[in-house]
């Protein structure tokens, strides 16, 4: 995904419903850049057309086709009870080292728990794991991807809305909100890595 398309996706996520003209003017894009980004985001499922020139942002996107991580989730779901990284690798048609790497990640994220050890066919032992309830729920929908917009983009979009609508100048509560967004943006820019 290009940087421009990523900007448009963040802007759309912050505003929920957007028009092409609004995005083009707010992000200083050309008609071609805006059209390309919208086409790409519609194709990927992030935007859904609701009327002529108006699009709604979709929080949950159904990814196309299973990737190796989806196959690992499916394999863990199939193994009711305890499983080893070697079993998951075999079922997902992956390498054992990659399956183990994913299992460690999912364990750190709270999806998987240790389930003891068992003797292998040789003279060794292998570590066993099991899905926690959170992991079982995740395994049911491995193909769903959730997008969370950048907080700095959210603050900028919300500030833009308050300024452009005139609310920041007319309503004291909106003025306070605008100042909070300005402070969030300033802090975000101060914390940004310097080149």
C-alpha atoms as a PDB file:
ATOM      1  CA  UNK A   1       0.000   0.000   0.000  1.00  0.00           C
ATOM      2  CA  UNK A   2       1.435   3.376  -0.994  1.00  0.00           C
ATOM      3  CA  UNK A   3       1.998   6.206   1.485  1.00  0.00           C
ATOM      4  CA  UNK A   4      -0.786   8.238  -0.127  1.00  0.00           C
ATOM      5  CA  UNK A   5      -3.244   5.359   0.129  1.00  0.00           C
ATOM      6  CA  UNK A   6      -2.217   4.861   3.766  1.00  0.00           C
ATOM      7  CA  UNK A   7      -2.891   8.579   4.413  1.00  0.00           C
ATOM      8  CA  UNK A   8      -6.328   8.278   2.828  1.00  0.00           C
ATOM      9  CA  UNK A   9      -7.083   5.120   4.862  1.00  0.00           C
ATOM     10  CA  UNK A  10      -6.135   6.896   8.106  1.00  0.00           C
ATOM     11  CA  UNK A  11      -8.189   9.966   7.165  1.00  0.00           C
ATOM     12  CA  UNK A  12     -11.208   7.820   6.280  1.00  0.00           C
ATOM     13  CA  UNK A  13     -10.892   5.862   9.552  1.00  0.00           C
ATOM     14  CA  UNK A  14     -10.792   9.107  11.522  1.00  0.00           C
ATOM     15  CA  UNK A  15     -13.853  10.543   9.752  1.00  0.00           C
ATOM     16  CA  UNK A  16     -15.905   7.337   9.193  1.00  0.00           C
ATOM     17  CA  UNK A  17     -17.744   8.740   6.136  1.00  0.00           C
ATOM     18  CA  UNK A  18     -15.782  10.707   3.545  1.00  0.00           C
ATOM     19  CA  UNK A  19     -16.191  12.289   0.136  1.00  0.00           C
ATOM     20  CA  UNK A  20     -13.452  12.217  -2.488  1.00  0.00           C
ATOM     21  CA  UNK A  21     -13.395  16.013  -2.736  1.00  0.00           C
ATOM     22  CA  UNK A  22     -13.091  16.367   1.056  1.00  0.00           C
ATOM     23  CA  UNK A  23     -10.145  13.942   1.152  1.00  0.00           C
ATOM     24  CA  UNK A  24      -8.465  15.577  -1.849  1.00  0.00           C
ATOM     25  CA  UNK A  25      -8.691  19.064  -0.342  1.00  0.00           C
ATOM     26  CA  UNK A  26      -7.797  18.045   3.233  1.00  0.00           C
ATOM     27  CA  UNK A  27      -4.746  15.998   2.218  1.00  0.00           C
ATOM     28  CA  UNK A  28      -3.685  18.229  -0.723  1.00  0.00           C
ATOM     29  CA  UNK A  29      -3.873  15.398  -3.269  1.00  0.00           C
ATOM     30  CA  UNK A  30      -4.449  15.414  -6.999  1.00  0.00           C
ATOM     31  CA  UNK A  31      -7.622  13.986  -8.538  1.00  0.00           C
ATOM     32  CA  UNK A  32      -5.590  11.026  -9.849  1.00  0.00           C
ATOM     33  CA  UNK A  33      -3.991  10.289  -6.460  1.00  0.00           C
ATOM     34  CA  UNK A  34      -7.362  10.445  -4.730  1.00  0.00           C
ATOM     35  CA  UNK A  35      -9.055   8.246  -7.332  1.00  0.00           C
ATOM     36  CA  UNK A  36      -6.287   5.642  -7.235  1.00  0.00           C
ATOM     37  CA  UNK A  37      -6.301   5.525  -3.415  1.00  0.00           C
ATOM     38  CA  UNK A  38     -10.087   5.208  -3.243  1.00  0.00           C
ATOM     39  CA  UNK A  39     -10.078   2.444  -5.874  1.00  0.00           C
ATOM     40  CA  UNK A  40      -7.391   0.536  -3.974  1.00  0.00           C
ATOM     41  CA  UNK A  41      -9.159   0.918  -0.601  1.00  0.00           C
ATOM     42  CA  UNK A  42     -12.514  -0.159  -2.067  1.00  0.00           C
ATOM     43  CA  UNK A  43     -10.858  -3.203  -3.640  1.00  0.00           C
ATOM     44  CA  UNK A  44      -9.193  -4.111  -0.315  1.00  0.00           C
ATOM     45  CA  UNK A  45     -12.481  -3.687   1.567  1.00  0.00           C
ATOM     46  CA  UNK A  46     -11.521  -0.665   3.688  1.00  0.00           C
ATOM     47  CA  UNK A  47     -14.013   1.646   1.955  1.00  0.00           C
ATOM     48  CA  UNK A  48     -17.574   0.939   0.883  1.00  0.00           C
ATOM     49  CA  UNK A  49     -19.404   3.262  -1.507  1.00  0.00           C
ATOM     50  CA  UNK A  50     -22.648   4.521   0.057  1.00  0.00           C
ATOM     51  CA  UNK A  51     -23.617   7.081  -2.607  1.00  0.00           C
ATOM     52  CA  UNK A  52     -22.057   8.977  -5.493  1.00  0.00           C
ATOM     53  CA  UNK A  53     -18.648  10.213  -4.291  1.00  0.00           C
ATOM     54  CA  UNK A  54     -19.361   9.236  -0.661  1.00  0.00           C
ATOM     55  CA  UNK A  55     -17.670   6.314   1.036  1.00  0.00           C
ATOM     56  CA  UNK A  56     -17.885   4.726   4.470  1.00  0.00           C
ATOM     57  CA  UNK A  57     -14.847   3.306   6.269  1.00  0.00           C
ATOM     58  CA  UNK A  58     -15.063  -0.393   7.258  1.00  0.00           C
ATOM     59  CA  UNK A  59     -13.366  -1.243  10.576  1.00  0.00           C
ATOM     60  CA  UNK A  60     -13.205  -4.983   9.911  1.00  0.00           C
ATOM     61  CA  UNK A  61     -11.838  -6.206   6.600  1.00  0.00           C
ATOM     62  CA  UNK A  62     -12.138  -9.744   5.253  1.00  0.00           C
ATOM     63  CA  UNK A  63      -8.723 -10.618   3.839  1.00  0.00           C
ATOM     64  CA  UNK A  64      -8.627 -12.564   0.585  1.00  0.00           C
ATOM     65  CA  UNK A  65      -7.383 -16.131   0.708  1.00  0.00           C
ATOM     66  CA  UNK A  66      -5.681 -17.842   3.616  1.00  0.00           C
ATOM     67  CA  UNK A  67      -2.079 -16.926   4.300  1.00  0.00           C
ATOM     68  CA  UNK A  68       0.311 -19.039   6.370  1.00  0.00           C
ATOM     69  CA  UNK A  69      -0.796 -17.380   9.622  1.00  0.00           C
ATOM     70  CA  UNK A  70      -4.442 -18.184   8.849  1.00  0.00           C
ATOM     71  CA  UNK A  71      -3.424 -21.804   8.214  1.00  0.00           C
ATOM     72  CA  UNK A  72      -1.656 -21.878  11.588  1.00  0.00           C
ATOM     73  CA  UNK A  73      -4.819 -20.597  13.308  1.00  0.00           C
ATOM     74  CA  UNK A  74      -6.903 -23.220  11.508  1.00  0.00           C
ATOM     75  CA  UNK A  75      -4.439 -25.942  12.534  1.00  0.00           C
ATOM     76  CA  UNK A  76      -4.610 -24.853  16.179  1.00  0.00           C
ATOM     77  CA  UNK A  77      -8.416 -24.925  16.000  1.00  0.00           C
ATOM     78  CA  UNK A  78      -8.347 -28.455  14.524  1.00  0.00           C
ATOM     79  CA  UNK A  79      -6.082 -29.714  17.333  1.00  0.00           C
ATOM     80  CA  UNK A  80      -8.625 -29.878  20.116  1.00  0.00           C
ATOM     81  CA  UNK A  81      -6.725 -29.851  23.362  1.00  0.00           C
ATOM     82  CA  UNK A  82      -2.926 -29.755  23.439  1.00  0.00           C
ATOM     83  CA  UNK A  83      -0.671 -29.389  20.405  1.00  0.00           C
ATOM     84  CA  UNK A  84       3.028 -29.004  19.665  1.00  0.00           C
ATOM     85  CA  UNK A  85       4.704 -26.610  17.247  1.00  0.00           C
ATOM     86  CA  UNK A  86       5.688 -29.620  15.079  1.00  0.00           C
ATOM     87  CA  UNK A  87       2.020 -30.694  14.757  1.00  0.00           C
ATOM     88  CA  UNK A  88       0.950 -27.168  13.827  1.00  0.00           C
ATOM     89  CA  UNK A  89       3.757 -26.914  11.271  1.00  0.00           C
ATOM     90  CA  UNK A  90       2.719 -30.226   9.698  1.00  0.00           C
ATOM     91  CA  UNK A  91      -0.982 -29.275   9.499  1.00  0.00           C
ATOM     92  CA  UNK A  92      -0.280 -25.731   8.252  1.00  0.00           C
ATOM     93  CA  UNK A  93       2.410 -26.918   5.803  1.00  0.00           C
ATOM     94  CA  UNK A  94       4.930 -24.595   7.415  1.00  0.00           C
ATOM     95  CA  UNK A  95       8.350 -24.975   8.985  1.00  0.00           C
ATOM     96  CA  UNK A  96       8.499 -25.940  12.655  1.00  0.00           C
ATOM     97  CA  UNK A  97      10.614 -22.886  13.440  1.00  0.00           C
ATOM     98  CA  UNK A  98       8.030 -20.546  11.884  1.00  0.00           C
ATOM     99  CA  UNK A  99       5.149 -22.277  13.691  1.00  0.00           C
ATOM    100  CA  UNK A 100       7.078 -22.004  16.969  1.00  0.00           C
ATOM    101  CA  UNK A 101       7.732 -18.307  16.322  1.00  0.00           C
ATOM    102  CA  UNK A 102       4.007 -17.664  15.767  1.00  0.00           C
ATOM    103  CA  UNK A 103       3.076 -19.729  18.842  1.00  0.00           C
ATOM    104  CA  UNK A 104       5.464 -17.650  20.985  1.00  0.00           C
ATOM    105  CA  UNK A 105       3.913 -14.460  19.594  1.00  0.00           C
ATOM    106  CA  UNK A 106       0.344 -15.676  20.212  1.00  0.00           C
ATOM    107  CA  UNK A 107       1.319 -16.792  23.715  1.00  0.00           C
ATOM    108  CA  UNK A 108       2.685 -13.294  24.438  1.00  0.00           C
ATOM    109  CA  UNK A 109      -0.582 -11.805  23.124  1.00  0.00           C
ATOM    110  CA  UNK A 110      -2.607 -14.018  25.491  1.00  0.00           C
ATOM    111  CA  UNK A 111      -4.128 -16.413  22.933  1.00  0.00           C
ATOM    112  CA  UNK A 112      -2.167 -19.525  23.948  1.00  0.00           C
ATOM    113  CA  UNK A 113      -1.161 -21.139  27.231  1.00  0.00           C
ATOM    114  CA  UNK A 114       1.379 -23.830  28.127  1.00  0.00           C
ATOM    115  CA  UNK A 115      -0.063 -27.346  28.365  1.00  0.00           C
ATOM    116  CA  UNK A 116       2.924 -29.362  29.637  1.00  0.00           C
ATOM    117  CA  UNK A 117       5.239 -31.665  27.694  1.00  0.00           C
ATOM    118  CA  UNK A 118       5.125 -35.108  26.122  1.00  0.00           C
ATOM    119  CA  UNK A 119       7.691 -37.665  25.068  1.00  0.00           C
ATOM    120  CA  UNK A 120       8.537 -37.716  21.381  1.00  0.00           C
ATOM    121  CA  UNK A 121       9.087 -40.880  19.332  1.00  0.00           C
ATOM    122  CA  UNK A 122      12.812 -40.628  20.004  1.00  0.00           C
ATOM    123  CA  UNK A 123      14.336 -39.884  23.360  1.00  0.00           C
ATOM    124  CA  UNK A 124      13.297 -36.217  23.583  1.00  0.00           C
ATOM    125  CA  UNK A 125      10.413 -34.203  24.861  1.00  0.00           C
ATOM    126  CA  UNK A 126       8.295 -31.577  23.140  1.00  0.00           C
ATOM    127  CA  UNK A 127       6.478 -28.638  24.640  1.00  0.00           C
ATOM    128  CA  UNK A 128       2.672 -28.563  24.360  1.00  0.00           C
ATOM    129  CA  UNK A 129       0.324 -25.626  24.098  1.00  0.00           C
ATOM    130  CA  UNK A 130      -3.430 -25.064  24.118  1.00  0.00           C
ATOM    131  CA  UNK A 131      -5.715 -22.261  23.012  1.00  0.00           C
ATOM    132  CA  UNK A 132      -7.158 -20.068  25.736  1.00  0.00           C
ATOM    133  CA  UNK A 133     -10.778 -18.911  25.338  1.00  0.00           C
ATOM    134  CA  UNK A 134      -9.525 -15.699  23.695  1.00  0.00           C
ATOM    135  CA  UNK A 135      -7.498 -17.847  21.271  1.00  0.00           C
ATOM    136  CA  UNK A 136     -10.464 -20.105  20.474  1.00  0.00           C
ATOM    137  CA  UNK A 137     -12.498 -17.029  19.586  1.00  0.00           C
ATOM    138  CA  UNK A 138      -9.669 -15.710  17.378  1.00  0.00           C
ATOM    139  CA  UNK A 139      -9.281 -19.102  15.692  1.00  0.00           C
ATOM    140  CA  UNK A 140     -12.914 -18.956  14.560  1.00  0.00           C
ATOM    141  CA  UNK A 141     -12.218 -15.804  12.493  1.00  0.00           C
ATOM    142  CA  UNK A 142      -8.549 -15.876  11.464  1.00  0.00           C
ATOM    143  CA  UNK A 143      -9.257 -14.037   8.224  1.00  0.00           C
ATOM    144  CA  UNK A 144     -10.559 -10.854   9.864  1.00  0.00           C
ATOM    145  CA  UNK A 145      -8.211  -7.885  10.034  1.00  0.00           C
ATOM    146  CA  UNK A 146      -8.937  -4.855  12.201  1.00  0.00           C
ATOM    147  CA  UNK A 147      -7.487  -1.485  11.291  1.00  0.00           C
ATOM    148  CA  UNK A 148      -6.786   1.094  13.976  1.00  0.00           C
ATOM    149  CA  UNK A 149      -5.923   4.544  12.665  1.00  0.00           C
ATOM    150  CA  UNK A 150      -2.885   6.437  13.867  1.00  0.00           C
ATOM    151  CA  UNK A 151      -3.804   8.557  16.953  1.00  0.00           C
ATOM    152  CA  UNK A 152      -1.986  11.572  15.489  1.00  0.00           C
ATOM    153  CA  UNK A 153      -4.096  11.317  12.324  1.00  0.00           C
ATOM    154  CA  UNK A 154      -7.258  10.983  14.441  1.00  0.00           C
ATOM    155  CA  UNK A 155      -6.372  14.136  16.397  1.00  0.00           C
ATOM    156  CA  UNK A 156      -5.606  16.066  13.187  1.00  0.00           C
ATOM    157  CA  UNK A 157      -8.838  14.928  11.513  1.00  0.00           C
ATOM    158  CA  UNK A 158     -10.919  15.820  14.577  1.00  0.00           C
ATOM    159  CA  UNK A 159      -9.213  19.221  14.851  1.00  0.00           C
ATOM    160  CA  UNK A 160      -9.830  19.799  11.128  1.00  0.00           C
ATOM    161  CA  UNK A 161     -13.525  19.005  11.596  1.00  0.00           C
ATOM    162  CA  UNK A 162     -13.863  21.446  14.533  1.00  0.00           C
ATOM    163  CA  UNK A 163     -11.990  24.242  12.734  1.00  0.00           C
ATOM    164  CA  UNK A 164     -13.656  23.818   9.323  1.00  0.00           C
ATOM    165  CA  UNK A 165     -17.162  23.632  10.793  1.00  0.00           C
ATOM    166  CA  UNK A 166     -16.547  26.796  12.836  1.00  0.00           C
ATOM    167  CA  UNK A 167     -17.480  25.015  16.070  1.00  0.00           C
ATOM    168  CA  UNK A 168     -14.069  25.707  17.609  1.00  0.00           C
ATOM    169  CA  UNK A 169     -14.774  29.441  17.360  1.00  0.00           C
ATOM    170  CA  UNK A 170     -18.450  29.398  18.419  1.00  0.00           C
ATOM    171  CA  UNK A 171     -18.772  26.721  21.087  1.00  0.00           C
ATOM    172  CA  UNK A 172     -16.646  26.852  24.284  1.00  0.00           C
ATOM    173  CA  UNK A 173     -16.737  23.055  24.693  1.00  0.00           C
ATOM    174  CA  UNK A 174     -15.549  22.586  21.106  1.00  0.00           C
ATOM    175  CA  UNK A 175     -12.800  25.137  21.742  1.00  0.00           C
ATOM    176  CA  UNK A 176     -11.567  23.033  24.676  1.00  0.00           C
ATOM    177  CA  UNK A 177     -11.656  19.887  22.514  1.00  0.00           C
ATOM    178  CA  UNK A 178      -9.732  21.660  19.740  1.00  0.00           C
ATOM    179  CA  UNK A 179      -7.034  22.716  22.200  1.00  0.00           C
ATOM    180  CA  UNK A 180      -6.745  19.126  23.458  1.00  0.00           C
ATOM    181  CA  UNK A 181      -6.282  17.939  19.859  1.00  0.00           C
ATOM    182  CA  UNK A 182      -3.651  20.640  19.257  1.00  0.00           C
ATOM    183  CA  UNK A 183      -1.763  19.441  22.342  1.00  0.00           C
ATOM    184  CA  UNK A 184      -1.990  15.782  21.186  1.00  0.00           C
ATOM    185  CA  UNK A 185      -0.621  16.759  17.773  1.00  0.00           C
ATOM    186  CA  UNK A 186       2.203  18.816  19.317  1.00  0.00           C
ATOM    187  CA  UNK A 187       3.152  15.942  21.647  1.00  0.00           C
ATOM    188  CA  UNK A 188       2.997  13.450  18.763  1.00  0.00           C
ATOM    189  CA  UNK A 189       5.275  15.611  16.638  1.00  0.00           C
ATOM    190  CA  UNK A 190       7.696  16.168  19.542  1.00  0.00           C
ATOM    191  CA  UNK A 191       7.868  12.384  20.129  1.00  0.00           C
ATOM    192  CA  UNK A 192       8.340  11.573  16.422  1.00  0.00           C
ATOM    193  CA  UNK A 193      11.749  10.132  15.507  1.00  0.00           C
ATOM    194  CA  UNK A 194      14.099  12.797  14.179  1.00  0.00           C
ATOM    195  CA  UNK A 195      15.982  12.110  10.946  1.00  0.00           C
END
